[in-house]
Amino acid sequence: MTYVNSVLGKEEVVQYEANVSLMPFLNRFVFGFVLLAGGAYAFQIPNAEKIGGISFASILAISLFLCGLLVLIQPIIAKETTELVITNRRIIAKFGLISRYTIEINLSKVESISVSQSIFGRLLDYGDIEIVGTGGTREPIQFISKPILFRKKVDEILHH
């Protein structure tokens, strides 16, 4: 939680820390593992044809394997580089590894928090939230684990 720690004010304390769910990326994980398996299988293909001294099967295997790793690593990076906390004063969210997008909303300026969950989201307890601030500003945050609990924690802190 490096970004959040760097922006906390004096006497500001983290009350709740939310996480990004990996469940919405399940299809991506399946596809990534299929690519990895395809790469592993391609290594078993007899090395008959060669392109520039390297067998076609080896090129195919390495390509499938690298594509599989790229497909698998993106959601993990997204999860690990997202910070979402509620402090005693505000909601702070940070997204991104190389580029950064941040949201900081004072709790006193939050008008409402809406939660959107698909059928799978309800079953697996993840969803999207949209924080509406005074003046109509809308800040959507996707794929949050336990979005109802997040909304409840904001309400508890506001009415404490």
C-alpha atoms as a PDB file:
ATOM      1  CA  MET A   1       0.000   0.000   0.000  1.00  0.00           C
ATOM      2  CA  THR A   2       2.707   2.514  -0.987  1.00  0.00           C
ATOM      3  CA  TYR A   3       0.605   5.185  -2.672  1.00  0.00           C
ATOM      4  CA  VAL A   4      -1.995   5.320   0.099  1.00  0.00           C
ATOM      5  CA  ASN A   5       0.674   5.597   2.786  1.00  0.00           C
ATOM      6  CA  SER A   6       2.288   8.468   0.908  1.00  0.00           C
ATOM      7  CA  VAL A   7      -0.940  10.523   0.738  1.00  0.00           C
ATOM      8  CA  LEU A   8      -2.366   9.929   4.208  1.00  0.00           C
ATOM      9  CA  GLY A   9      -2.858  13.170   6.108  1.00  0.00           C
ATOM     10  CA  LYS A  10      -2.065  13.899   9.710  1.00  0.00           C
ATOM     11  CA  GLU A  11      -4.303  11.823  12.006  1.00  0.00           C
ATOM     12  CA  GLU A  12      -5.821  10.066   8.973  1.00  0.00           C
ATOM     13  CA  VAL A  13      -6.235   6.337   9.582  1.00  0.00           C
ATOM     14  CA  VAL A  14      -7.138   3.525   7.183  1.00  0.00           C
ATOM     15  CA  GLN A  15     -10.469   2.054   8.288  1.00  0.00           C
ATOM     16  CA  TYR A  16     -11.026  -0.515   5.534  1.00  0.00           C
ATOM     17  CA  GLU A  17      -8.975  -1.927   2.677  1.00  0.00           C
ATOM     18  CA  ALA A  18     -10.761  -3.422  -0.344  1.00  0.00           C
ATOM     19  CA  ASN A  19      -9.328  -5.737  -2.992  1.00  0.00           C
ATOM     20  CA  VAL A  20      -9.821  -6.390  -6.668  1.00  0.00           C
ATOM     21  CA  SER A  21     -11.341  -9.793  -7.370  1.00  0.00           C
ATOM     22  CA  LEU A  22      -9.715 -12.120  -9.883  1.00  0.00           C
ATOM     23  CA  MET A  23     -13.034 -13.883 -10.546  1.00  0.00           C
ATOM     24  CA  PRO A  24     -14.042 -11.643 -13.497  1.00  0.00           C
ATOM     25  CA  PHE A  25     -10.809 -12.725 -15.175  1.00  0.00           C
ATOM     26  CA  LEU A  26     -11.585 -16.444 -14.957  1.00  0.00           C
ATOM     27  CA  ASN A  27     -12.075 -16.754 -18.728  1.00  0.00           C
ATOM     28  CA  ARG A  28      -8.704 -15.051 -19.248  1.00  0.00           C
ATOM     29  CA  PHE A  29      -7.043 -17.543 -16.900  1.00  0.00           C
ATOM     30  CA  VAL A  30      -8.590 -20.474 -18.779  1.00  0.00           C
ATOM     31  CA  PHE A  31      -7.437 -19.035 -22.117  1.00  0.00           C
ATOM     32  CA  GLY A  32      -3.940 -18.394 -20.721  1.00  0.00           C
ATOM     33  CA  PHE A  33      -3.630 -21.965 -19.451  1.00  0.00           C
ATOM     34  CA  VAL A  34      -4.845 -23.295 -22.820  1.00  0.00           C
ATOM     35  CA  LEU A  35      -2.090 -21.269 -24.520  1.00  0.00           C
ATOM     36  CA  LEU A  36       0.486 -22.583 -22.043  1.00  0.00           C
ATOM     37  CA  ALA A  37      -0.695 -26.150 -22.628  1.00  0.00           C
ATOM     38  CA  GLY A  38      -0.558 -25.567 -26.390  1.00  0.00           C
ATOM     39  CA  GLY A  39       2.993 -24.320 -26.029  1.00  0.00           C
ATOM     40  CA  ALA A  40       3.957 -27.363 -23.972  1.00  0.00           C
ATOM     41  CA  TYR A  41       2.346 -29.638 -26.558  1.00  0.00           C
ATOM     42  CA  ALA A  42       4.104 -27.856 -29.443  1.00  0.00           C
ATOM     43  CA  PHE A  43       7.464 -28.704 -27.850  1.00  0.00           C
ATOM     44  CA  GLN A  44       6.548 -32.375 -28.407  1.00  0.00           C
ATOM     45  CA  ILE A  45       6.063 -31.946 -32.179  1.00  0.00           C
ATOM     46  CA  PRO A  46       8.891 -33.544 -34.190  1.00  0.00           C
ATOM     47  CA  ASN A  47      11.360 -30.942 -35.440  1.00  0.00           C
ATOM     48  CA  ALA A  48      11.053 -31.497 -39.187  1.00  0.00           C
ATOM     49  CA  GLU A  49      10.907 -28.011 -40.702  1.00  0.00           C
ATOM     50  CA  LYS A  50      13.373 -25.325 -39.702  1.00  0.00           C
ATOM     51  CA  ILE A  51      13.246 -21.575 -40.134  1.00  0.00           C
ATOM     52  CA  GLY A  52      16.664 -19.941 -39.860  1.00  0.00           C
ATOM     53  CA  GLY A  53      18.082 -22.867 -37.906  1.00  0.00           C
ATOM     54  CA  ILE A  54      15.200 -22.997 -35.396  1.00  0.00           C
ATOM     55  CA  SER A  55      12.418 -25.535 -35.800  1.00  0.00           C
ATOM     56  CA  PHE A  56       8.929 -24.324 -36.608  1.00  0.00           C
ATOM     57  CA  ALA A  57       7.594 -26.335 -33.654  1.00  0.00           C
ATOM     58  CA  SER A  58       9.981 -24.528 -31.278  1.00  0.00           C
ATOM     59  CA  ILE A  59       8.916 -21.108 -32.608  1.00  0.00           C
ATOM     60  CA  LEU A  60       5.263 -22.092 -32.223  1.00  0.00           C
ATOM     61  CA  ALA A  61       5.834 -23.445 -28.709  1.00  0.00           C
ATOM     62  CA  ILE A  62       7.711 -20.365 -27.514  1.00  0.00           C
ATOM     63  CA  SER A  63       5.122 -18.046 -29.091  1.00  0.00           C
ATOM     64  CA  LEU A  64       2.187 -19.859 -27.467  1.00  0.00           C
ATOM     65  CA  PHE A  65       3.957 -20.008 -24.133  1.00  0.00           C
ATOM     66  CA  LEU A  66       4.813 -16.276 -24.133  1.00  0.00           C
ATOM     67  CA  CYS A  67       1.271 -15.327 -25.196  1.00  0.00           C
ATOM     68  CA  GLY A  68      -0.105 -17.507 -22.396  1.00  0.00           C
ATOM     69  CA  LEU A  69       2.129 -15.787 -19.837  1.00  0.00           C
ATOM     70  CA  LEU A  70       1.069 -12.329 -21.063  1.00  0.00           C
ATOM     71  CA  VAL A  71      -2.617 -13.262 -20.858  1.00  0.00           C
ATOM     72  CA  LEU A  72      -2.161 -14.610 -17.326  1.00  0.00           C
ATOM     73  CA  ILE A  73       0.000 -11.839 -15.911  1.00  0.00           C
ATOM     74  CA  GLN A  74      -2.169  -8.825 -16.848  1.00  0.00           C
ATOM     75  CA  PRO A  75      -5.003  -9.456 -14.329  1.00  0.00           C
ATOM     76  CA  ILE A  76      -2.483 -10.335 -11.621  1.00  0.00           C
ATOM     77  CA  ILE A  77      -0.644  -7.042 -12.204  1.00  0.00           C
ATOM     78  CA  ALA A  78      -3.983  -5.187 -12.142  1.00  0.00           C
ATOM     79  CA  LYS A  79      -4.874  -6.808  -8.811  1.00  0.00           C
ATOM     80  CA  GLU A  80      -1.489  -6.230  -7.208  1.00  0.00           C
ATOM     81  CA  THR A  81      -1.158  -2.598  -8.314  1.00  0.00           C
ATOM     82  CA  THR A  82      -4.632  -1.474  -7.264  1.00  0.00           C
ATOM     83  CA  GLU A  83      -5.042   0.154  -3.866  1.00  0.00           C
ATOM     84  CA  LEU A  84      -8.519   0.933  -2.575  1.00  0.00           C
ATOM     85  CA  VAL A  85      -9.043   2.115   0.987  1.00  0.00           C
ATOM     86  CA  ILE A  86     -11.497   3.995   3.125  1.00  0.00           C
ATOM     87  CA  THR A  87      -9.933   6.227   5.752  1.00  0.00           C
ATOM     88  CA  ASN A  88     -11.623   8.176   8.506  1.00  0.00           C
ATOM     89  CA  ARG A  89     -11.697  11.153   6.077  1.00  0.00           C
ATOM     90  CA  ARG A  90     -11.859   9.923   2.467  1.00  0.00           C
ATOM     91  CA  ILE A  91     -11.946   7.170  -0.109  1.00  0.00           C
ATOM     92  CA  ILE A  92      -8.616   6.671  -1.880  1.00  0.00           C
ATOM     93  CA  ALA A  93      -8.122   4.512  -4.971  1.00  0.00           C
ATOM     94  CA  LYS A  94      -4.981   4.025  -7.065  1.00  0.00           C
ATOM     95  CA  PHE A  95      -4.780   2.003 -10.282  1.00  0.00           C
ATOM     96  CA  GLY A  96      -1.836   1.206 -12.519  1.00  0.00           C
ATOM     97  CA  LEU A  97       1.755   0.045 -12.556  1.00  0.00           C
ATOM     98  CA  ILE A  98       3.547   2.293 -15.034  1.00  0.00           C
ATOM     99  CA  SER A  99       0.861   4.889 -15.580  1.00  0.00           C
ATOM    100  CA  ARG A 100      -1.223   5.842 -12.569  1.00  0.00           C
ATOM    101  CA  TYR A 101      -4.858   6.839 -12.133  1.00  0.00           C
ATOM    102  CA  THR A 102      -6.031   7.965  -8.702  1.00  0.00           C
ATOM    103  CA  ILE A 103      -9.336   8.852  -7.083  1.00  0.00           C
ATOM    104  CA  GLU A 104      -9.561  10.702  -3.789  1.00  0.00           C
ATOM    105  CA  ILE A 105     -13.005  11.699  -2.524  1.00  0.00           C
ATOM    106  CA  ASN A 106     -13.676  13.257   0.863  1.00  0.00           C
ATOM    107  CA  LEU A 107     -16.259  11.211   2.737  1.00  0.00           C
ATOM    108  CA  SER A 108     -18.242  14.362   3.429  1.00  0.00           C
ATOM    109  CA  LYS A 109     -18.607  14.835  -0.356  1.00  0.00           C
ATOM    110  CA  VAL A 110     -19.953  11.322  -1.068  1.00  0.00           C
ATOM    111  CA  GLU A 111     -23.639  11.454  -1.989  1.00  0.00           C
ATOM    112  CA  SER A 112     -24.119   7.784  -2.834  1.00  0.00           C
ATOM    113  CA  ILE A 113     -22.385   4.554  -3.725  1.00  0.00           C
ATOM    114  CA  SER A 114     -24.115   2.268  -6.191  1.00  0.00           C
ATOM    115  CA  VAL A 115     -23.233  -1.404  -6.557  1.00  0.00           C
ATOM    116  CA  SER A 116     -23.619  -3.380  -9.762  1.00  0.00           C
ATOM    117  CA  GLN A 117     -23.249  -7.167  -9.742  1.00  0.00           C
ATOM    118  CA  SER A 118     -23.881  -9.756 -12.443  1.00  0.00           C
ATOM    119  CA  ILE A 119     -25.264 -13.186 -11.575  1.00  0.00           C
ATOM    120  CA  PHE A 120     -21.729 -14.546 -11.299  1.00  0.00           C
ATOM    121  CA  GLY A 121     -20.739 -11.460  -9.348  1.00  0.00           C
ATOM    122  CA  ARG A 122     -23.430 -12.158  -6.785  1.00  0.00           C
ATOM    123  CA  LEU A 123     -22.460 -15.826  -6.560  1.00  0.00           C
ATOM    124  CA  LEU A 124     -18.738 -15.092  -6.262  1.00  0.00           C
ATOM    125  CA  ASP A 125     -19.127 -11.818  -4.307  1.00  0.00           C
ATOM    126  CA  TYR A 126     -17.558  -9.276  -6.642  1.00  0.00           C
ATOM    127  CA  GLY A 127     -18.897  -6.336  -8.593  1.00  0.00           C
ATOM    128  CA  ASP A 128     -18.512  -2.738  -9.664  1.00  0.00           C
ATOM    129  CA  ILE A 129     -19.134   0.291  -7.530  1.00  0.00           C
ATOM    130  CA  GLU A 130     -19.802   3.844  -8.595  1.00  0.00           C
ATOM    131  CA  ILE A 131     -19.131   6.616  -6.125  1.00  0.00           C
ATOM    132  CA  VAL A 132     -21.248   9.706  -6.749  1.00  0.00           C
ATOM    133  CA  GLY A 133     -19.894  12.866  -5.203  1.00  0.00           C
ATOM    134  CA  THR A 134     -21.452  16.258  -4.683  1.00  0.00           C
ATOM    135  CA  GLY A 135     -21.808  18.101  -7.947  1.00  0.00           C
ATOM    136  CA  GLY A 136     -22.575  14.860  -9.756  1.00  0.00           C
ATOM    137  CA  THR A 137     -19.034  13.564 -10.144  1.00  0.00           C
ATOM    138  CA  ARG A 138     -19.083   9.835 -10.815  1.00  0.00           C
ATOM    139  CA  GLU A 139     -16.137   7.563 -10.128  1.00  0.00           C
ATOM    140  CA  PRO A 140     -16.578   3.957 -11.277  1.00  0.00           C
ATOM    141  CA  ILE A 141     -14.390   1.233  -9.784  1.00  0.00           C
ATOM    142  CA  GLN A 142     -14.581  -2.230 -11.355  1.00  0.00           C
ATOM    143  CA  PHE A 143     -14.175  -5.773 -10.061  1.00  0.00           C
ATOM    144  CA  ILE A 144     -14.176  -5.078  -6.331  1.00  0.00           C
ATOM    145  CA  SER A 145     -14.322  -8.023  -3.950  1.00  0.00           C
ATOM    146  CA  LYS A 146     -17.241  -7.701  -1.542  1.00  0.00           C
ATOM    147  CA  PRO A 147     -18.728  -4.465  -2.959  1.00  0.00           C
ATOM    148  CA  ILE A 148     -21.711  -4.521  -0.569  1.00  0.00           C
ATOM    149  CA  LEU A 149     -19.316  -4.645   2.380  1.00  0.00           C
ATOM    150  CA  PHE A 150     -17.421  -1.678   0.908  1.00  0.00           C
ATOM    151  CA  ARG A 151     -20.617   0.370   0.715  1.00  0.00           C
ATOM    152  CA  LYS A 152     -21.550  -0.708   4.265  1.00  0.00           C
ATOM    153  CA  LYS A 153     -18.120   0.354   5.615  1.00  0.00           C
ATOM    154  CA  VAL A 154     -18.477   3.811   4.027  1.00  0.00           C
ATOM    155  CA  ASP A 155     -21.910   4.152   5.651  1.00  0.00           C
ATOM    156  CA  GLU A 156     -20.571   3.008   9.035  1.00  0.00           C
ATOM    157  CA  ILE A 157     -17.705   5.512   8.930  1.00  0.00           C
ATOM    158  CA  LEU A 158     -19.999   8.355   7.829  1.00  0.00           C
ATOM    159  CA  HIS A 159     -22.540   7.694  10.569  1.00  0.00           C
ATOM    160  CA  HIS A 160     -20.168   6.819  13.388  1.00  0.00           C
END
